[in-house]
């Protein structure tokens, strides 16, 4: 399964690079159309390999882990503000605590789930 994912990543990267390199070429060039079609076909082929080998549950778990880790990181770094007119000091402690919990759950989903 790992080799299929690596092959899909290489195909997608090749397709993106082929399209990016063809941007600076002349629009009427016939080779440009061939390169663009090969690039699009590589992206579609790589995406097809990923979607057929990786189940939806794994993708949703990784997406949920990314979202939870992002929210947790925001609560740890961006939320604590102890201005008296905005929030009390105890609320920023609670925000940091909840942020640490969400960051740990998100990191677990991203790195170790499903094992």
PDB file of N, CA and C in Angstrom:
ATOM      1  N   UNK A   1       0.821  -1.188   0.000  1.00  0.00           N
ATOM      2  CA  UNK A   1       0.000   0.000   0.000  1.00  0.00           C
ATOM      3  C   UNK A   1       0.868   1.254   0.000  1.00  0.00           C
ATOM      4  N   UNK A   2       2.017   1.182   0.639  1.00  0.00           N
ATOM      5  CA  UNK A   2       2.881   2.359   0.707  1.00  0.00           C
ATOM      6  C   UNK A   2       3.435   2.704  -0.670  1.00  0.00           C
ATOM      7  N   UNK A   3       3.786   1.691  -1.449  1.00  0.00           N
ATOM      8  CA  UNK A   3       4.331   1.955  -2.777  1.00  0.00           C
ATOM      9  C   UNK A   3       3.298   2.590  -3.699  1.00  0.00           C
ATOM     10  N   UNK A   4       2.033   2.214  -3.545  1.00  0.00           N
ATOM     11  CA  UNK A   4       0.992   2.830  -4.355  1.00  0.00           C
ATOM     12  C   UNK A   4       0.832   4.305  -4.019  1.00  0.00           C
ATOM     13  N   UNK A   5       0.916   4.635  -2.732  1.00  0.00           N
ATOM     14  CA  UNK A   5       0.797   6.030  -2.318  1.00  0.00           C
ATOM     15  C   UNK A   5       1.992   6.835  -2.826  1.00  0.00           C
ATOM     16  N   UNK A   6       3.188   6.236  -2.787  1.00  0.00           N
ATOM     17  CA  UNK A   6       4.375   6.926  -3.307  1.00  0.00           C
ATOM     18  C   UNK A   6       4.238   7.142  -4.808  1.00  0.00           C
ATOM     19  N   UNK A   7       3.764   6.130  -5.534  1.00  0.00           N
ATOM     20  CA  UNK A   7       3.546   6.274  -6.967  1.00  0.00           C
ATOM     21  C   UNK A   7       2.524   7.368  -7.255  1.00  0.00           C
ATOM     22  N   UNK A   8       1.455   7.413  -6.488  1.00  0.00           N
ATOM     23  CA  UNK A   8       0.441   8.443  -6.680  1.00  0.00           C
ATOM     24  C   UNK A   8       1.011   9.827  -6.404  1.00  0.00           C
ATOM     25  N   UNK A   9       1.825   9.948  -5.365  1.00  0.00           N
ATOM     26  CA  UNK A   9       2.432  11.248  -5.052  1.00  0.00           C
ATOM     27  C   UNK A   9       3.372  11.696  -6.166  1.00  0.00           C
ATOM     28  N   UNK A  10       4.132  10.759  -6.726  1.00  0.00           N
ATOM     29  CA  UNK A  10       5.036  11.097  -7.824  1.00  0.00           C
ATOM     30  C   UNK A  10       4.239  11.521  -9.053  1.00  0.00           C
ATOM     31  N   UNK A  11       3.159  10.826  -9.355  1.00  0.00           N
ATOM     32  CA  UNK A  11       2.328  11.196 -10.500  1.00  0.00           C
ATOM     33  C   UNK A  11       1.712  12.576 -10.327  1.00  0.00           C
ATOM     34  N   UNK A  12       1.191  12.852  -9.155  1.00  0.00           N
ATOM     35  CA  UNK A  12       0.581  14.161  -8.913  1.00  0.00           C
ATOM     36  C   UNK A  12       1.639  15.258  -8.984  1.00  0.00           C
ATOM     37  N   UNK A  13       2.804  15.017  -8.393  1.00  0.00           N
ATOM     38  CA  UNK A  13       3.877  16.016  -8.444  1.00  0.00           C
ATOM     39  C   UNK A  13       4.343  16.248  -9.879  1.00  0.00           C
ATOM     40  N   UNK A  14       4.469  15.172 -10.658  1.00  0.00           N
ATOM     41  CA  UNK A  14       4.859  15.320 -12.058  1.00  0.00           C
ATOM     42  C   UNK A  14       3.821  16.118 -12.829  1.00  0.00           C
ATOM     43  N   UNK A  15       2.555  15.852 -12.590  1.00  0.00           N
ATOM     44  CA  UNK A  15       1.507  16.589 -13.282  1.00  0.00           C
ATOM     45  C   UNK A  15       1.516  18.064 -12.947  1.00  0.00           C
ATOM     46  N   UNK A  16       1.700  18.386 -11.684  1.00  0.00           N
ATOM     47  CA  UNK A  16       1.728  19.796 -11.276  1.00  0.00           C
ATOM     48  C   UNK A  16       2.950  20.499 -11.861  1.00  0.00           C
ATOM     49  N   UNK A  17       4.109  19.844 -11.810  1.00  0.00           N
ATOM     50  CA  UNK A  17       5.327  20.446 -12.365  1.00  0.00           C
ATOM     51  C   UNK A  17       5.206  20.614 -13.876  1.00  0.00           C
ATOM     52  N   UNK A  18       4.616  19.645 -14.569  1.00  0.00           N
ATOM     53  CA  UNK A  18       4.445  19.759 -16.016  1.00  0.00           C
ATOM     54  C   UNK A  18       3.557  20.945 -16.363  1.00  0.00           C
ATOM     55  N   UNK A  19       2.498  21.136 -15.604  1.00  0.00           N
ATOM     56  CA  UNK A  19       1.609  22.271 -15.857  1.00  0.00           C
ATOM     57  C   UNK A  19       2.315  23.586 -15.525  1.00  0.00           C
ATOM     58  N   UNK A  20       3.057  23.627 -14.426  1.00  0.00           N
ATOM     59  CA  UNK A  20       3.756  24.863 -14.054  1.00  0.00           C
ATOM     60  C   UNK A  20       4.840  25.234 -15.062  1.00  0.00           C
ATOM     61  N   UNK A  21       5.576  24.255 -15.571  1.00  0.00           N
ATOM     62  CA  UNK A  21       6.612  24.559 -16.555  1.00  0.00           C
ATOM     63  C   UNK A  21       6.020  24.982 -17.893  1.00  0.00           C
ATOM     64  N   UNK A  22       4.827  24.537 -18.204  1.00  0.00           N
ATOM     65  CA  UNK A  22       4.225  24.890 -19.487  1.00  0.00           C
ATOM     66  C   UNK A  22       3.541  26.249 -19.462  1.00  0.00           C
ATOM     67  N   UNK A  23       3.470  26.891 -18.318  1.00  0.00           N
ATOM     68  CA  UNK A  23       2.825  28.205 -18.240  1.00  0.00           C
ATOM     69  C   UNK A  23       3.624  29.248 -19.012  1.00  0.00           C
ATOM     70  N   UNK A  24       4.942  29.171 -19.012  1.00  0.00           N
ATOM     71  CA  UNK A  24       5.783  30.171 -19.662  1.00  0.00           C
ATOM     72  C   UNK A  24       5.946  29.949 -21.160  1.00  0.00           C
ATOM     73  N   UNK A  25       5.351  28.931 -21.706  1.00  0.00           N
ATOM     74  CA  UNK A  25       5.503  28.627 -23.124  1.00  0.00           C
ATOM     75  C   UNK A  25       4.466  29.379 -23.956  1.00  0.00           C
ATOM     76  N   UNK A  26       4.647  29.322 -25.274  1.00  0.00           N
ATOM     77  CA  UNK A  26       3.721  29.957 -26.207  1.00  0.00           C
ATOM     78  C   UNK A  26       2.416  29.169 -26.248  1.00  0.00           C
ATOM     79  N   UNK A  27       1.308  29.887 -26.309  1.00  0.00           N
ATOM     80  CA  UNK A  27      -0.003  29.238 -26.255  1.00  0.00           C
ATOM     81  C   UNK A  27      -0.268  28.401 -27.503  1.00  0.00           C
ATOM     82  N   UNK A  28       0.256  28.790 -28.646  1.00  0.00           N
ATOM     83  CA  UNK A  28      -0.010  28.072 -29.892  1.00  0.00           C
ATOM     84  C   UNK A  28       0.901  26.870 -30.102  1.00  0.00           C
ATOM     85  N   UNK A  29       1.789  26.609 -29.197  1.00  0.00           N
ATOM     86  CA  UNK A  29       2.723  25.497 -29.327  1.00  0.00           C
ATOM     87  C   UNK A  29       1.975  24.168 -29.177  1.00  0.00           C
ATOM     88  N   UNK A  30       2.168  23.249 -30.131  1.00  0.00           N
ATOM     89  CA  UNK A  30       1.469  21.962 -30.081  1.00  0.00           C
ATOM     90  C   UNK A  30       2.036  21.061 -28.987  1.00  0.00           C
ATOM     91  N   UNK A  31       3.311  21.211 -28.699  1.00  0.00           N
ATOM     92  CA  UNK A  31       3.893  20.420 -27.622  1.00  0.00           C
ATOM     93  C   UNK A  31       3.333  20.846 -26.269  1.00  0.00           C
ATOM     94  N   UNK A  32       2.934  22.115 -26.162  1.00  0.00           N
ATOM     95  CA  UNK A  32       2.351  22.604 -24.917  1.00  0.00           C
ATOM     96  C   UNK A  32       1.065  21.855 -24.599  1.00  0.00           C
ATOM     97  N   UNK A  33       0.254  21.634 -25.603  1.00  0.00           N
ATOM     98  CA  UNK A  33      -1.008  20.922 -25.389  1.00  0.00           C
ATOM     99  C   UNK A  33      -0.735  19.483 -24.959  1.00  0.00           C
ATOM    100  N   UNK A  34       0.260  18.858 -25.552  1.00  0.00           N
ATOM    101  CA  UNK A  34       0.605  17.488 -25.172  1.00  0.00           C
ATOM    102  C   UNK A  34       1.104  17.447 -23.730  1.00  0.00           C
ATOM    103  N   UNK A  35       1.962  18.401 -23.362  1.00  0.00           N
ATOM    104  CA  UNK A  35       2.481  18.440 -21.995  1.00  0.00           C
ATOM    105  C   UNK A  35       1.354  18.697 -21.005  1.00  0.00           C
ATOM    106  N   UNK A  36       0.440  19.609 -21.341  1.00  0.00           N
ATOM    107  CA  UNK A  36      -0.695  19.880 -20.457  1.00  0.00           C
ATOM    108  C   UNK A  36      -1.586  18.655 -20.299  1.00  0.00           C
ATOM    109  N   UNK A  37      -1.851  17.958 -21.391  1.00  0.00           N
ATOM    110  CA  UNK A  37      -2.687  16.759 -21.310  1.00  0.00           C
ATOM    111  C   UNK A  37      -2.005  15.653 -20.507  1.00  0.00           C
ATOM    112  N   UNK A  38      -0.699  15.496 -20.683  1.00  0.00           N
ATOM    113  CA  UNK A  38       0.030  14.498 -19.899  1.00  0.00           C
ATOM    114  C   UNK A  38       0.023  14.883 -18.424  1.00  0.00           C
ATOM    115  N   UNK A  39       0.181  16.175 -18.128  1.00  0.00           N
ATOM    116  CA  UNK A  39       0.145  16.634 -16.746  1.00  0.00           C
ATOM    117  C   UNK A  39      -1.205  16.408 -16.093  1.00  0.00           C
ATOM    118  N   UNK A  40      -2.266  16.733 -16.812  1.00  0.00           N
ATOM    119  CA  UNK A  40      -3.612  16.516 -16.272  1.00  0.00           C
ATOM    120  C   UNK A  40      -3.884  15.028 -16.092  1.00  0.00           C
ATOM    121  N   UNK A  41      -3.445  14.214 -17.053  1.00  0.00           N
ATOM    122  CA  UNK A  41      -3.636  12.768 -16.929  1.00  0.00           C
ATOM    123  C   UNK A  41      -2.859  12.209 -15.736  1.00  0.00           C
ATOM    124  N   UNK A  42      -1.659  12.733 -15.489  1.00  0.00           N
ATOM    125  CA  UNK A  42      -0.875  12.267 -14.338  1.00  0.00           C
ATOM    126  C   UNK A  42      -1.555  12.646 -13.030  1.00  0.00           C
ATOM    127  N   UNK A  43      -2.106  13.859 -12.956  1.00  0.00           N
ATOM    128  CA  UNK A  43      -2.806  14.279 -11.742  1.00  0.00           C
ATOM    129  C   UNK A  43      -4.047  13.424 -11.518  1.00  0.00           C
ATOM    130  N   UNK A  44      -4.805  13.185 -12.568  1.00  0.00           N
ATOM    131  CA  UNK A  44      -6.011  12.357 -12.439  1.00  0.00           C
ATOM    132  C   UNK A  44      -5.640  10.927 -12.064  1.00  0.00           C
ATOM    133  N   UNK A  45      -4.592  10.380 -12.686  1.00  0.00           N
ATOM    134  CA  UNK A  45      -4.155   9.022 -12.352  1.00  0.00           C
ATOM    135  C   UNK A  45      -3.672   8.900 -10.920  1.00  0.00           C
ATOM    136  N   UNK A  46      -2.892   9.871 -10.460  1.00  0.00           N
ATOM    137  CA  UNK A  46      -2.425   9.846  -9.077  1.00  0.00           C
ATOM    138  C   UNK A  46      -3.562   9.990  -8.087  1.00  0.00           C
ATOM    139  N   UNK A  47      -4.492  10.874  -8.393  1.00  0.00           N
ATOM    140  CA  UNK A  47      -5.662  11.022  -7.524  1.00  0.00           C
ATOM    141  C   UNK A  47      -6.505   9.763  -7.487  1.00  0.00           C
ATOM    142  N   UNK A  48      -6.634   9.108  -8.638  1.00  0.00           N
ATOM    143  CA  UNK A  48      -7.407   7.864  -8.688  1.00  0.00           C
ATOM    144  C   UNK A  48      -6.745   6.770  -7.846  1.00  0.00           C
ATOM    145  N   UNK A  49      -5.433   6.681  -7.916  1.00  0.00           N
ATOM    146  CA  UNK A  49      -4.721   5.683  -7.109  1.00  0.00           C
ATOM    147  C   UNK A  49      -4.926   5.956  -5.628  1.00  0.00           C
ATOM    148  N   UNK A  50      -4.818   7.213  -5.228  1.00  0.00           N
ATOM    149  CA  UNK A  50      -4.998   7.545  -3.811  1.00  0.00           C
ATOM    150  C   UNK A  50      -6.424   7.250  -3.369  1.00  0.00           C
ATOM    151  N   UNK A  51      -7.394   7.642  -4.171  1.00  0.00           N
ATOM    152  CA  UNK A  51      -8.786   7.452  -3.757  1.00  0.00           C
ATOM    153  C   UNK A  51      -9.207   5.990  -3.743  1.00  0.00           C
ATOM    154  N   UNK A  52      -8.595   5.158  -4.560  1.00  0.00           N
ATOM    155  CA  UNK A  52      -8.976   3.745  -4.556  1.00  0.00           C
ATOM    156  C   UNK A  52      -8.229   2.941  -3.495  1.00  0.00           C
ATOM    157  N   UNK A  53      -7.070   3.418  -3.037  1.00  0.00           N
ATOM    158  CA  UNK A  53      -6.293   2.655  -2.061  1.00  0.00           C
ATOM    159  C   UNK A  53      -6.446   3.158  -0.641  1.00  0.00           C
ATOM    160  N   UNK A  54      -6.841   4.379  -0.484  1.00  0.00           N
ATOM    161  CA  UNK A  54      -7.012   4.939   0.853  1.00  0.00           C
ATOM    162  C   UNK A  54      -8.509   5.076   1.101  1.00  0.00           C
ATOM    163  N   UNK A  55      -8.979   4.503   2.173  1.00  0.00           N
ATOM    164  CA  UNK A  55     -10.406   4.541   2.442  1.00  0.00           C
ATOM    165  C   UNK A  55     -10.828   5.924   2.912  1.00  0.00           C
ATOM    166  N   UNK A  56     -12.100   6.184   2.774  1.00  0.00           N
ATOM    167  CA  UNK A  56     -12.650   7.476   3.168  1.00  0.00           C
ATOM    168  C   UNK A  56     -12.508   7.692   4.663  1.00  0.00           C
ATOM    169  N   UNK A  57     -12.604   6.622   5.441  1.00  0.00           N
ATOM    170  CA  UNK A  57     -12.505   6.763   6.891  1.00  0.00           C
ATOM    171  C   UNK A  57     -11.127   7.281   7.307  1.00  0.00           C
ATOM    172  N   UNK A  58     -10.087   6.821   6.647  1.00  0.00           N
ATOM    173  CA  UNK A  58      -8.736   7.292   6.964  1.00  0.00           C
ATOM    174  C   UNK A  58      -8.595   8.762   6.599  1.00  0.00           C
ATOM    175  N   UNK A  59      -9.102   9.145   5.415  1.00  0.00           N
ATOM    176  CA  UNK A  59      -9.023  10.545   5.012  1.00  0.00           C
ATOM    177  C   UNK A  59      -9.787  11.448   5.967  1.00  0.00           C
ATOM    178  N   UNK A  60     -10.973  11.025   6.399  1.00  0.00           N
ATOM    179  CA  UNK A  60     -11.753  11.834   7.332  1.00  0.00           C
ATOM    180  C   UNK A  60     -11.080  11.915   8.695  1.00  0.00           C
ATOM    181  N   UNK A  61     -10.454  10.829   9.139  1.00  0.00           N
ATOM    182  CA  UNK A  61      -9.747  10.854  10.421  1.00  0.00           C
ATOM    183  C   UNK A  61      -8.554  11.804  10.362  1.00  0.00           C
ATOM    184  N   UNK A  62      -7.822  11.795   9.259  1.00  0.00           N
ATOM    185  CA  UNK A  62      -6.681  12.704   9.118  1.00  0.00           C
ATOM    186  C   UNK A  62      -7.149  14.154   9.030  1.00  0.00           C
ATOM    187  N   UNK A  63      -8.246  14.400   8.333  1.00  0.00           N
ATOM    188  CA  UNK A  63      -8.796  15.756   8.253  1.00  0.00           C
ATOM    189  C   UNK A  63      -9.268  16.235   9.617  1.00  0.00           C
ATOM    190  N   UNK A  64      -9.934  15.368  10.360  1.00  0.00           N
ATOM    191  CA  UNK A  64     -10.372  15.729  11.709  1.00  0.00           C
ATOM    192  C   UNK A  64      -9.173  15.987  12.613  1.00  0.00           C
ATOM    193  N   UNK A  65      -8.122  15.194  12.488  1.00  0.00           N
ATOM    194  CA  UNK A  65      -6.911  15.416  13.268  1.00  0.00           C
ATOM    195  C   UNK A  65      -6.256  16.742  12.942  1.00  0.00           C
ATOM    196  N   UNK A  66      -6.234  17.095  11.664  1.00  0.00           N
ATOM    197  CA  UNK A  66      -5.662  18.375  11.263  1.00  0.00           C
ATOM    198  C   UNK A  66      -6.468  19.543  11.818  1.00  0.00           C
ATOM    199  N   UNK A  67      -7.780  19.447  11.754  1.00  0.00           N
ATOM    200  CA  UNK A  67      -8.645  20.511  12.276  1.00  0.00           C
ATOM    201  C   UNK A  67      -8.512  20.623  13.789  1.00  0.00           C
ATOM    202  N   UNK A  68      -8.551  19.491  14.490  1.00  0.00           N
ATOM    203  CA  UNK A  68      -8.428  19.529  15.948  1.00  0.00           C
ATOM    204  C   UNK A  68      -7.061  20.052  16.392  1.00  0.00           C
ATOM    205  N   UNK A  69      -6.007  19.650  15.698  1.00  0.00           N
ATOM    206  CA  UNK A  69      -4.679  20.152  16.050  1.00  0.00           C
ATOM    207  C   UNK A  69      -4.579  21.652  15.794  1.00  0.00           C
ATOM    208  N   UNK A  70      -5.185  22.125  14.723  1.00  0.00           N
ATOM    209  CA  UNK A  70      -5.175  23.560  14.438  1.00  0.00           C
ATOM    210  C   UNK A  70      -5.933  24.366  15.474  1.00  0.00           C
ATOM    211  N   UNK A  71      -7.108  23.877  15.863  1.00  0.00           N
ATOM    212  CA  UNK A  71      -7.884  24.564  16.898  1.00  0.00           C
ATOM    213  C   UNK A  71      -7.138  24.529  18.226  1.00  0.00           C
ATOM    214  N   UNK A  72      -6.552  23.386  18.552  1.00  0.00           N
ATOM    215  CA  UNK A  72      -5.785  23.280  19.793  1.00  0.00           C
ATOM    216  C   UNK A  72      -4.590  24.216  19.811  1.00  0.00           C
ATOM    217  N   UNK A  73      -3.883  24.307  18.689  1.00  0.00           N
ATOM    218  CA  UNK A  73      -2.744  25.216  18.613  1.00  0.00           C
ATOM    219  C   UNK A  73      -3.188  26.664  18.747  1.00  0.00           C
ATOM    220  N   UNK A  74      -4.331  27.005  18.145  1.00  0.00           N
ATOM    221  CA  UNK A  74      -4.856  28.361  18.304  1.00  0.00           C
ATOM    222  C   UNK A  74      -5.210  28.644  19.754  1.00  0.00           C
ATOM    223  N   UNK A  75      -5.835  27.691  20.417  1.00  0.00           N
ATOM    224  CA  UNK A  75      -6.208  27.913  21.812  1.00  0.00           C
ATOM    225  C   UNK A  75      -4.983  28.036  22.714  1.00  0.00           C
ATOM    226  N   UNK A  76      -3.905  27.354  22.376  1.00  0.00           N
ATOM    227  CA  UNK A  76      -2.691  27.450  23.186  1.00  0.00           C
ATOM    228  C   UNK A  76      -1.960  28.767  22.923  1.00  0.00           C
ATOM    229  N   UNK A  77      -1.821  29.142  21.660  1.00  0.00           N
ATOM    230  CA  UNK A  77      -0.997  30.299  21.302  1.00  0.00           C
ATOM    231  C   UNK A  77      -1.806  31.588  21.182  1.00  0.00           C
ATOM    232  N   UNK A  78      -2.919  31.544  20.471  1.00  0.00           N
ATOM    233  CA  UNK A  78      -3.623  32.776  20.141  1.00  0.00           C
ATOM    234  C   UNK A  78      -4.711  33.185  21.103  1.00  0.00           C
ATOM    235  N   UNK A  79      -5.242  32.282  21.869  1.00  0.00           N
ATOM    236  CA  UNK A  79      -6.392  32.588  22.714  1.00  0.00           C
ATOM    237  C   UNK A  79      -6.030  33.302  24.006  1.00  0.00           C
ATOM    238  N   UNK A  80      -4.962  32.935  24.699  1.00  0.00           N
ATOM    239  CA  UNK A  80      -4.725  33.524  26.025  1.00  0.00           C
ATOM    240  C   UNK A  80      -4.456  35.028  25.951  1.00  0.00           C
ATOM    241  N   UNK A  81      -5.426  35.781  26.375  1.00  0.00           N
ATOM    242  CA  UNK A  81      -5.305  37.226  26.452  1.00  0.00           C
ATOM    243  C   UNK A  81      -5.887  37.633  27.788  1.00  0.00           C
ATOM    244  N   UNK A  82      -5.108  38.267  28.624  1.00  0.00           N
ATOM    245  CA  UNK A  82      -5.549  38.528  29.990  1.00  0.00           C
ATOM    246  C   UNK A  82      -5.951  39.991  30.197  1.00  0.00           C
ATOM    247  N   UNK A  83      -6.395  40.645  29.146  1.00  0.00           N
ATOM    248  CA  UNK A  83      -6.888  42.008  29.329  1.00  0.00           C
ATOM    249  C   UNK A  83      -8.152  41.964  30.171  1.00  0.00           C
ATOM    250  N   UNK A  84      -8.274  42.855  31.135  1.00  0.00           N
ATOM    251  CA  UNK A  84      -9.421  42.786  32.057  1.00  0.00           C
ATOM    252  C   UNK A  84     -10.769  43.015  31.377  1.00  0.00           C
ATOM    253  N   UNK A  85     -10.807  43.778  30.303  1.00  0.00           N
ATOM    254  CA  UNK A  85     -12.096  44.034  29.665  1.00  0.00           C
ATOM    255  C   UNK A  85     -12.503  42.923  28.702  1.00  0.00           C
ATOM    256  N   UNK A  86     -11.593  42.038  28.372  1.00  0.00           N
ATOM    257  CA  UNK A  86     -11.912  40.988  27.408  1.00  0.00           C
ATOM    258  C   UNK A  86     -12.318  39.687  28.094  1.00  0.00           C
ATOM    259  N   UNK A  87     -11.493  39.184  28.979  1.00  0.00           N
ATOM    260  CA  UNK A  87     -11.802  37.941  29.683  1.00  0.00           C
ATOM    261  C   UNK A  87     -11.010  37.875  30.983  1.00  0.00           C
ATOM    262  N   UNK A  88     -11.439  37.016  31.843  1.00  0.00           N
ATOM    263  CA  UNK A  88     -10.759  36.828  33.119  1.00  0.00           C
ATOM    264  C   UNK A  88      -9.561  35.895  32.946  1.00  0.00           C
ATOM    265  N   UNK A  89      -8.650  35.922  33.913  1.00  0.00           N
ATOM    266  CA  UNK A  89      -7.441  35.103  33.828  1.00  0.00           C
ATOM    267  C   UNK A  89      -7.769  33.616  33.849  1.00  0.00           C
ATOM    268  N   UNK A  90      -8.758  33.212  34.587  1.00  0.00           N
ATOM    269  CA  UNK A  90      -9.131  31.802  34.640  1.00  0.00           C
ATOM    270  C   UNK A  90      -9.603  31.268  33.297  1.00  0.00           C
ATOM    271  N   UNK A  91     -10.194  32.133  32.485  1.00  0.00           N
ATOM    272  CA  UNK A  91     -10.656  31.684  31.170  1.00  0.00           C
ATOM    273  C   UNK A  91      -9.482  31.370  30.248  1.00  0.00           C
ATOM    274  N   UNK A  92      -8.409  32.131  30.337  1.00  0.00           N
ATOM    275  CA  UNK A  92      -7.270  31.813  29.477  1.00  0.00           C
ATOM    276  C   UNK A  92      -6.595  30.521  29.936  1.00  0.00           C
ATOM    277  N   UNK A  93      -6.611  30.232  31.236  1.00  0.00           N
ATOM    278  CA  UNK A  93      -6.085  28.941  31.708  1.00  0.00           C
ATOM    279  C   UNK A  93      -6.936  27.790  31.185  1.00  0.00           C
ATOM    280  N   UNK A  94      -8.250  27.971  31.203  1.00  0.00           N
ATOM    281  CA  UNK A  94      -9.142  26.934  30.667  1.00  0.00           C
ATOM    282  C   UNK A  94      -8.947  26.773  29.162  1.00  0.00           C
ATOM    283  N   UNK A  95      -8.741  27.881  28.455  1.00  0.00           N
ATOM    284  CA  UNK A  95      -8.499  27.813  27.014  1.00  0.00           C
ATOM    285  C   UNK A  95      -7.226  27.069  26.674  1.00  0.00           C
ATOM    286  N   UNK A  96      -6.178  27.313  27.443  1.00  0.00           N
ATOM    287  CA  UNK A  96      -4.913  26.605  27.219  1.00  0.00           C
ATOM    288  C   UNK A  96      -5.075  25.119  27.524  1.00  0.00           C
ATOM    289  N   UNK A  97      -5.795  24.783  28.591  1.00  0.00           N
ATOM    290  CA  UNK A  97      -6.021  23.377  28.942  1.00  0.00           C
ATOM    291  C   UNK A  97      -6.786  22.657  27.830  1.00  0.00           C
ATOM    292  N   UNK A  98      -7.874  23.259  27.373  1.00  0.00           N
ATOM    293  CA  UNK A  98      -8.661  22.652  26.290  1.00  0.00           C
ATOM    294  C   UNK A  98      -7.825  22.578  25.012  1.00  0.00           C
ATOM    295  N   UNK A  99      -7.001  23.586  24.762  1.00  0.00           N
ATOM    296  CA  UNK A  99      -6.132  23.573  23.591  1.00  0.00           C
ATOM    297  C   UNK A  99      -5.124  22.443  23.618  1.00  0.00           C
ATOM    298  N   UNK A 100      -4.547  22.178  24.787  1.00  0.00           N
ATOM    299  CA  UNK A 100      -3.588  21.076  24.906  1.00  0.00           C
ATOM    300  C   UNK A 100      -4.278  19.739  24.652  1.00  0.00           C
ATOM    301  N   UNK A 101      -5.483  19.584  25.202  1.00  0.00           N
ATOM    302  CA  UNK A 101      -6.235  18.339  24.990  1.00  0.00           C
ATOM    303  C   UNK A 101      -6.542  18.154  23.505  1.00  0.00           C
ATOM    304  N   UNK A 102      -7.028  19.211  22.843  1.00  0.00           N
ATOM    305  CA  UNK A 102      -7.358  19.106  21.419  1.00  0.00           C
ATOM    306  C   UNK A 102      -6.112  18.878  20.567  1.00  0.00           C
ATOM    307  N   UNK A 103      -5.005  19.492  20.932  1.00  0.00           N
ATOM    308  CA  UNK A 103      -3.765  19.290  20.185  1.00  0.00           C
ATOM    309  C   UNK A 103      -3.274  17.850  20.305  1.00  0.00           C
ATOM    310  N   UNK A 104      -3.375  17.267  21.478  1.00  0.00           N
ATOM    311  CA  UNK A 104      -2.949  15.875  21.666  1.00  0.00           C
ATOM    312  C   UNK A 104      -3.848  14.928  20.874  1.00  0.00           C
ATOM    313  N   UNK A 105      -5.157  15.149  20.926  1.00  0.00           N
ATOM    314  CA  UNK A 105      -6.080  14.296  20.164  1.00  0.00           C
ATOM    315  C   UNK A 105      -5.838  14.454  18.666  1.00  0.00           C
ATOM    316  N   UNK A 106      -5.666  15.688  18.205  1.00  0.00           N
ATOM    317  CA  UNK A 106      -5.408  15.928  16.788  1.00  0.00           C
ATOM    318  C   UNK A 106      -4.100  15.318  16.321  1.00  0.00           C
ATOM    319  N   UNK A 107      -3.048  15.426  17.136  1.00  0.00           N
ATOM    320  CA  UNK A 107      -1.761  14.831  16.770  1.00  0.00           C
ATOM    321  C   UNK A 107      -1.857  13.307  16.727  1.00  0.00           C
ATOM    322  N   UNK A 108      -2.620  12.732  17.653  1.00  0.00           N
ATOM    323  CA  UNK A 108      -2.808  11.277  17.630  1.00  0.00           C
ATOM    324  C   UNK A 108      -3.520  10.851  16.346  1.00  0.00           C
ATOM    325  N   UNK A 109      -4.575  11.574  15.979  1.00  0.00           N
ATOM    326  CA  UNK A 109      -5.303  11.223  14.756  1.00  0.00           C
ATOM    327  C   UNK A 109      -4.426  11.395  13.519  1.00  0.00           C
ATOM    328  N   UNK A 110      -3.599  12.419  13.507  1.00  0.00           N
ATOM    329  CA  UNK A 110      -2.741  12.653  12.349  1.00  0.00           C
ATOM    330  C   UNK A 110      -1.613  11.633  12.236  1.00  0.00           C
ATOM    331  N   UNK A 111      -0.988  11.311  13.349  1.00  0.00           N
ATOM    332  CA  UNK A 111       0.236  10.517  13.284  1.00  0.00           C
ATOM    333  C   UNK A 111       0.049   9.020  13.498  1.00  0.00           C
ATOM    334  N   UNK A 112      -0.884   8.632  14.352  1.00  0.00           N
ATOM    335  CA  UNK A 112      -0.939   7.226  14.762  1.00  0.00           C
ATOM    336  C   UNK A 112      -2.235   6.504  14.414  1.00  0.00           C
ATOM    337  N   UNK A 113      -3.269   7.186  13.980  1.00  0.00           N
ATOM    338  CA  UNK A 113      -4.547   6.537  13.726  1.00  0.00           C
ATOM    339  C   UNK A 113      -4.716   6.330  12.247  1.00  0.00           C
ATOM    340  N   UNK A 114      -5.196   5.287  11.739  1.00  0.00           N
ATOM    341  CA  UNK A 114      -5.355   3.955  12.317  1.00  0.00           C
ATOM    342  C   UNK A 114      -4.045   3.197  12.212  1.00  0.00           C
ATOM    343  N   UNK A 115      -3.699   2.555  13.270  1.00  0.00           N
ATOM    344  CA  UNK A 115      -2.412   1.851  13.324  1.00  0.00           C
ATOM    345  C   UNK A 115      -2.557   0.397  12.961  1.00  0.00           C
TER     346      UNK A 115
END
